[in-house]
Amino acid sequence: MLNLSEDLKLVYRTKELFYEYFLTHPNSTRASKAFNEWLRRVNETVLKEFNACTSTFTNWFEEICNSFDYEFTNGPLEGTHT
């Protein structure tokens, strides 16, 4: 499937980089550096489909990075509320 579309291939690589760059870090300090790098790379692409995603991630940057230092989450509550 990835060989059929260069855009699809780029989106897939970008998603995989998110896991590799960001989700693998043990604390908020290292995660925030990786997150900034991932956001920079995404903003360099021409895929407008990521605009809403990067905008949301940028708005919630501190809160997202803090999740690496605290084991508590309101995810189940948000899931129920939604």
N, C-alpha and C. Protein backbone atom coordinates (compact mmCIF):
# COMPACT_ATOMS: atom_id res chain seq x y z
N MET A 1 0.83 -1.20 0.00
CA MET A 1 0.00 0.00 0.00
C MET A 1 0.87 1.26 0.00
N LEU A 2 1.96 1.23 0.76
CA LEU A 2 2.79 2.42 0.85
C LEU A 2 3.46 2.76 -0.47
N ASN A 3 3.64 1.78 -1.32
CA ASN A 3 4.25 2.04 -2.63
C ASN A 3 3.29 2.68 -3.61
N LEU A 4 2.01 2.73 -3.26
CA LEU A 4 1.01 3.31 -4.17
C LEU A 4 0.92 4.82 -4.07
N SER A 5 1.36 5.38 -2.95
CA SER A 5 1.19 6.82 -2.74
C SER A 5 2.36 7.38 -1.93
N GLU A 6 3.01 8.39 -2.47
CA GLU A 6 4.10 9.04 -1.75
C GLU A 6 3.57 9.77 -0.50
N ASP A 7 2.38 10.36 -0.60
CA ASP A 7 1.79 11.03 0.56
C ASP A 7 1.50 10.03 1.67
N LEU A 8 0.95 8.89 1.30
CA LEU A 8 0.66 7.85 2.30
C LEU A 8 1.95 7.37 2.95
N LYS A 9 2.98 7.21 2.17
CA LYS A 9 4.28 6.78 2.69
C LYS A 9 4.82 7.83 3.67
N LEU A 10 4.69 9.10 3.33
CA LEU A 10 5.17 10.18 4.20
C LEU A 10 4.37 10.24 5.51
N VAL A 11 3.05 10.07 5.41
CA VAL A 11 2.21 10.06 6.61
C VAL A 11 2.60 8.89 7.51
N TYR A 12 2.80 7.73 6.93
CA TYR A 12 3.18 6.56 7.72
C TYR A 12 4.53 6.79 8.41
N ARG A 13 5.51 7.30 7.68
CA ARG A 13 6.83 7.57 8.28
C ARG A 13 6.71 8.60 9.40
N THR A 14 5.89 9.60 9.20
CA THR A 14 5.71 10.64 10.21
C THR A 14 5.10 10.06 11.47
N LYS A 15 4.12 9.18 11.32
CA LYS A 15 3.51 8.52 12.47
C LYS A 15 4.53 7.64 13.19
N GLU A 16 5.31 6.90 12.45
CA GLU A 16 6.34 6.04 13.04
C GLU A 16 7.40 6.87 13.76
N LEU A 17 7.76 8.02 13.20
CA LEU A 17 8.72 8.91 13.87
C LEU A 17 8.17 9.43 15.18
N PHE A 18 6.86 9.64 15.24
CA PHE A 18 6.25 10.08 16.49
C PHE A 18 6.53 9.06 17.59
N TYR A 19 6.32 7.79 17.28
CA TYR A 19 6.61 6.73 18.25
C TYR A 19 8.09 6.70 18.59
N GLU A 20 8.92 6.73 17.58
CA GLU A 20 10.36 6.62 17.77
C GLU A 20 10.94 7.84 18.49
N TYR A 21 10.55 9.04 18.08
CA TYR A 21 11.12 10.26 18.63
C TYR A 21 10.56 10.61 20.00
N PHE A 22 9.30 10.36 20.19
CA PHE A 22 8.62 10.94 21.35
C PHE A 22 8.23 9.92 22.40
N LEU A 23 7.54 8.91 22.05
CA LEU A 23 6.94 8.01 23.03
C LEU A 23 7.93 7.11 23.74
N THR A 24 9.17 7.08 23.34
CA THR A 24 10.14 6.17 23.93
C THR A 24 10.97 6.80 25.04
N HIS A 25 10.69 8.02 25.43
CA HIS A 25 11.54 8.71 26.40
C HIS A 25 11.04 8.53 27.84
N PRO A 26 12.00 8.48 28.79
CA PRO A 26 11.65 8.17 30.18
C PRO A 26 11.16 9.35 31.02
N ASN A 27 11.36 10.59 30.56
CA ASN A 27 10.95 11.73 31.37
C ASN A 27 10.57 12.92 30.48
N SER A 28 9.98 13.92 31.10
CA SER A 28 9.45 15.05 30.34
C SER A 28 10.54 15.89 29.69
N THR A 29 11.70 15.97 30.29
CA THR A 29 12.78 16.77 29.72
C THR A 29 13.23 16.20 28.39
N ARG A 30 13.49 14.93 28.37
CA ARG A 30 13.93 14.29 27.12
C ARG A 30 12.79 14.20 26.12
N ALA A 31 11.58 13.95 26.61
CA ALA A 31 10.42 13.88 25.72
C ALA A 31 10.15 15.22 25.05
N SER A 32 10.28 16.32 25.79
CA SER A 32 9.99 17.64 25.20
C SER A 32 10.97 17.97 24.09
N LYS A 33 12.24 17.61 24.25
CA LYS A 33 13.22 17.84 23.18
C LYS A 33 12.86 17.03 21.94
N ALA A 34 12.51 15.77 22.15
CA ALA A 34 12.13 14.91 21.03
C ALA A 34 10.82 15.39 20.39
N PHE A 35 9.90 15.81 21.21
CA PHE A 35 8.61 16.30 20.71
C PHE A 35 8.81 17.53 19.83
N ASN A 36 9.65 18.45 20.28
CA ASN A 36 9.96 19.64 19.48
C ASN A 36 10.58 19.26 18.14
N GLU A 37 11.46 18.28 18.16
CA GLU A 37 12.09 17.84 16.92
C GLU A 37 11.06 17.22 15.98
N TRP A 38 10.16 16.41 16.53
CA TRP A 38 9.12 15.81 15.70
C TRP A 38 8.20 16.89 15.11
N LEU A 39 7.80 17.85 15.94
CA LEU A 39 6.95 18.93 15.45
C LEU A 39 7.65 19.73 14.35
N ARG A 40 8.94 19.98 14.51
CA ARG A 40 9.70 20.69 13.49
C ARG A 40 9.68 19.92 12.18
N ARG A 41 9.92 18.62 12.25
CA ARG A 41 9.93 17.80 11.04
C ARG A 41 8.56 17.78 10.36
N VAL A 42 7.52 17.66 11.15
CA VAL A 42 6.16 17.62 10.58
C VAL A 42 5.84 18.96 9.92
N ASN A 43 6.22 20.05 10.56
CA ASN A 43 5.94 21.36 9.99
C ASN A 43 6.71 21.61 8.69
N GLU A 44 7.79 20.87 8.47
CA GLU A 44 8.55 21.00 7.23
C GLU A 44 7.90 20.23 6.08
N THR A 45 6.99 19.32 6.38
CA THR A 45 6.33 18.57 5.32
C THR A 45 5.24 19.43 4.70
N VAL A 46 4.76 18.99 3.58
CA VAL A 46 3.70 19.73 2.88
C VAL A 46 2.32 19.12 3.14
N LEU A 47 2.25 18.22 4.11
CA LEU A 47 0.98 17.55 4.38
C LEU A 47 0.10 18.41 5.28
N LYS A 48 -0.88 19.05 4.68
CA LYS A 48 -1.77 19.94 5.44
C LYS A 48 -2.64 19.17 6.43
N GLU A 49 -2.76 17.85 6.22
CA GLU A 49 -3.58 17.02 7.11
C GLU A 49 -3.02 17.00 8.53
N PHE A 50 -1.76 17.31 8.71
CA PHE A 50 -1.16 17.33 10.04
C PHE A 50 -1.32 18.68 10.74
N ASN A 51 -1.84 19.69 10.07
CA ASN A 51 -1.93 21.03 10.66
C ASN A 51 -2.74 21.04 11.96
N ALA A 52 -3.91 20.42 11.96
CA ALA A 52 -4.74 20.41 13.17
C ALA A 52 -4.05 19.63 14.28
N CYS A 53 -3.40 18.55 13.93
CA CYS A 53 -2.69 17.72 14.90
C CYS A 53 -1.56 18.52 15.55
N THR A 54 -0.70 19.13 14.73
CA THR A 54 0.43 19.86 15.30
C THR A 54 -0.03 21.10 16.07
N SER A 55 -1.11 21.69 15.64
CA SER A 55 -1.64 22.85 16.37
C SER A 55 -2.12 22.42 17.76
N THR A 56 -2.84 21.32 17.83
CA THR A 56 -3.31 20.80 19.11
C THR A 56 -2.14 20.38 19.99
N PHE A 57 -1.18 19.67 19.41
CA PHE A 57 0.00 19.26 20.18
C PHE A 57 0.76 20.46 20.71
N THR A 58 0.88 21.51 19.91
CA THR A 58 1.59 22.71 20.35
C THR A 58 0.83 23.39 21.48
N ASN A 59 -0.49 23.47 21.37
CA ASN A 59 -1.30 24.11 22.43
C ASN A 59 -1.22 23.36 23.75
N TRP A 60 -1.07 22.04 23.69
CA TRP A 60 -1.05 21.21 24.89
C TRP A 60 0.34 20.64 25.17
N PHE A 61 1.36 21.28 24.63
CA PHE A 61 2.73 20.77 24.70
C PHE A 61 3.17 20.45 26.14
N GLU A 62 3.03 21.40 27.03
CA GLU A 62 3.48 21.20 28.41
C GLU A 62 2.73 20.07 29.09
N GLU A 63 1.43 20.04 28.91
CA GLU A 63 0.62 19.00 29.54
C GLU A 63 0.98 17.61 29.00
N ILE A 64 1.20 17.53 27.69
CA ILE A 64 1.57 16.25 27.09
C ILE A 64 2.92 15.79 27.63
N CYS A 65 3.89 16.69 27.70
CA CYS A 65 5.21 16.32 28.21
C CYS A 65 5.17 15.96 29.69
N ASN A 66 4.32 16.62 30.45
CA ASN A 66 4.19 16.29 31.88
C ASN A 66 3.71 14.86 32.09
N SER A 67 3.02 14.31 31.12
CA SER A 67 2.51 12.95 31.28
C SER A 67 3.65 11.93 31.40
N PHE A 68 4.85 12.31 31.03
CA PHE A 68 5.99 11.42 31.18
C PHE A 68 6.50 11.36 32.62
N ASP A 69 6.16 12.37 33.42
CA ASP A 69 6.64 12.42 34.80
C ASP A 69 5.59 11.98 35.82
N TYR A 70 4.34 11.90 35.42
CA TYR A 70 3.26 11.55 36.35
C TYR A 70 2.49 10.35 35.83
N GLU A 71 2.21 9.42 36.71
CA GLU A 71 1.52 8.20 36.29
C GLU A 71 0.01 8.35 36.24
N PHE A 72 -0.51 9.48 36.70
CA PHE A 72 -1.95 9.69 36.74
C PHE A 72 -2.44 10.26 35.42
N THR A 73 -3.65 9.87 35.04
CA THR A 73 -4.24 10.38 33.81
C THR A 73 -5.75 10.53 33.99
N ASN A 74 -6.29 11.48 33.26
CA ASN A 74 -7.74 11.63 33.26
C ASN A 74 -8.33 11.02 31.99
N GLY A 75 -7.53 10.19 31.29
CA GLY A 75 -7.97 9.56 30.06
C GLY A 75 -9.28 8.80 30.16
N PRO A 76 -9.42 7.92 31.18
CA PRO A 76 -10.70 7.20 31.29
C PRO A 76 -11.89 8.14 31.48
N LEU A 77 -11.72 9.19 32.26
CA LEU A 77 -12.80 10.15 32.45
C LEU A 77 -13.11 10.87 31.15
N GLU A 78 -12.09 11.30 30.43
CA GLU A 78 -12.31 11.97 29.14
C GLU A 78 -13.01 11.03 28.17
N GLY A 79 -12.63 9.75 28.17
CA GLY A 79 -13.27 8.78 27.29
C GLY A 79 -14.74 8.60 27.61
N THR A 80 -15.06 8.60 28.91
CA THR A 80 -16.45 8.47 29.34
C THR A 80 -17.23 9.73 28.99
N HIS A 81 -16.62 10.87 29.21
CA HIS A 81 -17.26 12.16 28.96
C HIS A 81 -17.54 12.35 27.46
N THR A 82 -16.61 11.93 26.64
CA THR A 82 -16.77 12.10 25.20
C THR A 82 -17.83 11.16 24.69
